[in-house]
Protein backbone atom coordinates (compact mmCIF):
# COMPACT_ATOMS: atom_id res chain seq x y z
CA MET A 1 -2.99 -5.78 3.51
CA THR A 2 -3.40 -2.01 3.63
CA HIS A 3 -1.71 -0.67 0.35
CA PRO A 4 0.55 -2.20 -2.39
CA GLU A 5 3.21 0.42 -2.14
CA ALA A 6 3.59 0.04 1.86
CA THR A 7 7.11 -0.31 3.47
CA ARG A 8 8.11 -1.06 7.11
CA PHE A 9 11.24 -1.53 9.06
CA PHE A 10 11.85 -5.16 10.78
CA MET A 11 14.52 -6.04 13.33
CA SER A 12 14.68 -9.16 15.45
CA THR A 13 13.62 -9.00 18.92
CA SER A 14 16.83 -10.13 20.13
CA GLU A 15 18.53 -7.24 18.13
CA ALA A 16 16.02 -4.55 19.19
CA ALA A 17 16.35 -5.31 22.81
CA CYS A 18 20.22 -5.26 22.78
CA LEU A 19 19.99 -2.05 21.13
CA VAL A 20 17.51 -0.37 23.72
CA ILE A 21 19.68 -1.48 26.53
CA GLU A 22 22.66 -0.05 24.76
CA ALA A 23 20.65 3.13 24.51
CA ALA A 24 19.68 3.24 27.60
CA ALA A 25 23.01 2.85 29.35
CA ARG A 26 24.11 5.95 27.19
CA ALA A 27 21.15 7.95 27.83
CA ALA A 28 21.26 11.34 29.67
CA SER A 29 17.81 13.21 30.77
CA GLY A 30 16.05 14.10 27.80
CA SER A 31 18.25 12.02 25.05
CA ILE A 32 16.01 10.74 22.21
CA PHE A 33 18.09 7.73 20.19
CA MET A 34 17.05 6.21 16.97
CA LEU A 35 18.05 2.41 16.22
CA ASP A 36 19.64 1.63 12.93
CA MET A 37 16.77 -0.84 11.67
CA GLY A 38 18.10 -1.15 8.13
CA GLN A 39 16.50 -0.25 4.85
CA PRO A 40 12.39 -0.62 5.06
CA VAL A 41 11.03 -3.34 3.49
CA PRO A 42 8.10 -3.62 0.95
CA ILE A 43 5.17 -5.35 2.55
CA VAL A 44 3.93 -6.97 -0.62
CA SER A 45 7.58 -8.36 -1.34
CA LEU A 46 7.74 -9.69 2.36
CA ALA A 47 4.05 -11.44 1.72
CA GLU A 48 4.88 -12.97 -1.42
CA LYS A 49 7.99 -14.49 0.02
CA MET A 50 6.41 -15.79 2.86
CA ILE A 51 3.89 -17.53 0.66
CA ARG A 52 6.60 -18.93 -1.66
CA LEU A 53 8.19 -20.31 1.44
CA ARG A 54 5.27 -22.36 2.32
CA GLY A 55 5.24 -23.98 -1.14
CA LEU A 56 2.55 -21.84 -2.55
CA ARG A 57 1.88 -19.77 -5.46
CA VAL A 58 0.78 -15.97 -4.94
CA GLY A 59 -2.68 -15.13 -7.11
CA THR A 60 -3.12 -18.97 -7.45
CA ASP A 61 -3.33 -20.61 -3.99
CA ILE A 62 -2.92 -17.30 -2.06
CA GLU A 63 -4.60 -13.94 -3.44
CA LEU A 64 -3.11 -10.64 -2.16
CA VAL A 65 -5.98 -8.40 -0.89
CA PHE A 66 -5.61 -4.66 -0.37
CA THR A 67 -7.78 -3.31 2.33
CA GLY A 68 -6.85 0.62 1.83
CA LEU A 69 -5.08 2.70 4.49
CA ARG A 70 -7.00 3.19 7.67
CA ARG A 71 -7.00 6.46 9.43
CA GLY A 72 -3.39 7.20 11.10
CA ASP A 73 -1.72 4.42 8.72
CA LYS A 74 1.05 5.67 6.81
CA LEU A 75 2.50 4.26 3.32
CA HIS A 76 6.14 4.35 5.08
CA GLU A 77 7.25 5.10 8.41
CA ASP A 78 9.12 8.42 9.40
CA LEU A 79 11.78 7.76 11.85
CA ILE A 80 12.34 11.70 12.30
CA CYS A 81 10.58 14.78 11.64
CA ALA A 82 11.85 17.71 9.20
CA ARG A 83 13.13 19.71 11.72
CA GLU A 84 15.11 17.02 13.48
CA ASP A 85 18.66 15.55 12.71
CA THR A 86 20.82 12.66 13.88
CA VAL A 87 24.17 12.55 14.60
CA PRO A 88 26.35 9.26 15.18
CA THR A 89 26.91 7.99 18.97
CA ALA A 90 29.91 5.64 19.90
CA HIS A 91 27.70 2.50 18.66
CA ALA A 92 27.35 2.44 14.95
CA LYS A 93 23.51 1.37 15.14
CA ILE A 94 22.66 3.83 17.55
CA ARG A 95 22.10 7.69 16.64
CA SER A 96 21.21 10.70 18.75
CA VAL A 97 18.12 12.51 17.78
CA ILE A 98 18.46 16.37 17.65
CA ASP A 99 16.02 18.91 17.17
CA ARG A 100 17.27 22.01 15.14
CA ARG A 101 14.90 24.16 16.32
CA LEU A 102 15.76 26.24 19.64
CA VAL A 103 12.73 27.12 21.66
CA SER A 104 12.86 29.89 24.38
CA ARG A 105 11.66 29.57 27.69
CA PRO A 106 8.97 31.68 27.08
CA GLU A 107 8.08 30.31 23.74
CA MET A 108 7.94 27.04 25.64
CA GLU A 109 5.65 28.45 28.03
CA ALA A 110 3.26 29.87 25.91
CA LEU A 111 2.96 26.84 24.05
CA VAL A 112 2.05 24.74 27.58
CA ARG A 113 -0.45 27.30 28.25
CA SER A 114 -1.96 26.89 24.72
CA LEU A 115 -1.92 23.11 25.03
CA PHE A 116 -3.71 23.69 28.48
CA LEU A 117 -6.49 25.85 27.19
CA VAL A 118 -7.03 23.15 24.51
CA SER A 119 -7.25 20.45 26.71
CA ARG A 120 -9.98 22.32 28.82
CA CYS A 121 -12.12 21.73 26.04
CA ALA A 122 -12.73 18.10 26.69
CA ASP A 123 -12.90 16.77 23.09
CA ARG A 124 -10.23 14.26 22.76
CA ALA A 125 -10.25 14.75 18.98
CA ARG A 126 -8.93 18.55 19.53
CA VAL A 127 -6.42 17.65 21.92
CA SER A 128 -4.88 14.85 20.01
CA GLU A 129 -4.82 17.06 16.73
CA ALA A 130 -3.25 19.99 19.13
CA LEU A 131 -0.62 17.57 20.50
CA ARG A 132 0.18 16.19 16.91
CA ALA A 133 0.44 19.90 15.73
CA ALA A 134 2.52 20.82 18.47
CA ALA A 135 5.05 18.11 18.24
CA GLN A 136 5.30 18.94 14.18
CA GLY A 137 5.88 22.47 15.06
CA GLU A 138 2.71 23.55 13.44
CA PRO A 139 -0.23 26.32 14.47
CA LEU A 140 -2.53 24.58 17.42
CA PRO A 141 -6.07 24.83 16.67
CA LEU A 142 -8.31 27.37 18.00
CA PRO A 143 -11.37 26.25 19.95
CA ALA A 144 -14.54 27.53 18.05
CA ALA A 145 -17.15 29.72 19.24
CA GLY A 146 -20.77 29.69 18.22
CA ASP A 147 -21.99 32.78 19.24
CA GLY A 148 -19.58 34.99 17.75
CA ARG A 149 -17.87 36.01 21.19
CA ARG A 150 -14.18 34.80 21.80
CA PRO A 151 -14.31 31.27 23.24
CA ALA A 152 -12.50 30.97 26.71
CA GLY A 153 -10.03 29.28 24.94
CA ALA A 154 -9.10 32.19 22.47
CA LEU A 155 -6.30 33.06 24.46
CA LEU A 156 -4.75 30.25 22.59
CA GLY A 157 -4.45 32.62 19.76
CA VAL A 158 -2.09 35.19 21.94
CA ALA A 159 -0.28 31.95 22.87
CA LEU A 160 0.16 31.03 19.43
CA GLU A 161 1.39 34.24 18.44
CA ALA A 162 4.22 34.21 20.89
CA VAL A 163 4.98 30.76 19.87
CA HIS A 164 5.20 31.43 15.97
CA ASP A 165 6.19 35.30 16.37
CA PRO A 166 8.57 35.95 19.40
CA LEU A 167 8.33 39.53 18.70
CA ARG A 168 5.09 39.63 19.98
CA ALA A 169 5.42 37.20 22.90
CA PRO A 170 3.89 38.12 26.26
CA GLU A 171 6.13 39.44 28.99
CA ARG A 172 6.42 36.63 31.36
CA GLY A 173 4.25 36.96 34.26
CA ALA A 174 1.65 38.53 31.83
CA TRP A 175 -0.66 35.22 32.05
CA ALA A 176 -3.55 34.88 34.31
CA SER A 177 -4.63 31.73 35.57
């Protein structure tokens, strides 16, 4: 196991499949749904229960070993971001996810252009970090310049100003490809 405090959600395959089909039937373009998976289960409790169900003793017959969290692992699953809410649907176990942030067209265009500039760096780690930051509504990382000149991707900073400070957003059509 990764960590003694780790928790995860569990659901039977048949229940998950039924809820996914039900959500798909209700979906409109751009819909995001969250399934009610109950309460998170401590992984240690699950492991101990499975060991006991086999008639064995934890610590005597089977030792629990914690390997530590690996890159990307989380102690607890995040079902929604801080800027998101859920609202009920007609189905008790399906909730609709809504984003409380309103993004204008110029802000979205600036964000897409920023992501495009980062993607041109051909650095998977930088692109992954930029996508994660964009999804969380955080500032995107700027490409580095080693010679003191502004990198080709420095326009990213202009785009980010537009995303994070709408009063400084460039006028429509001000971008050159």
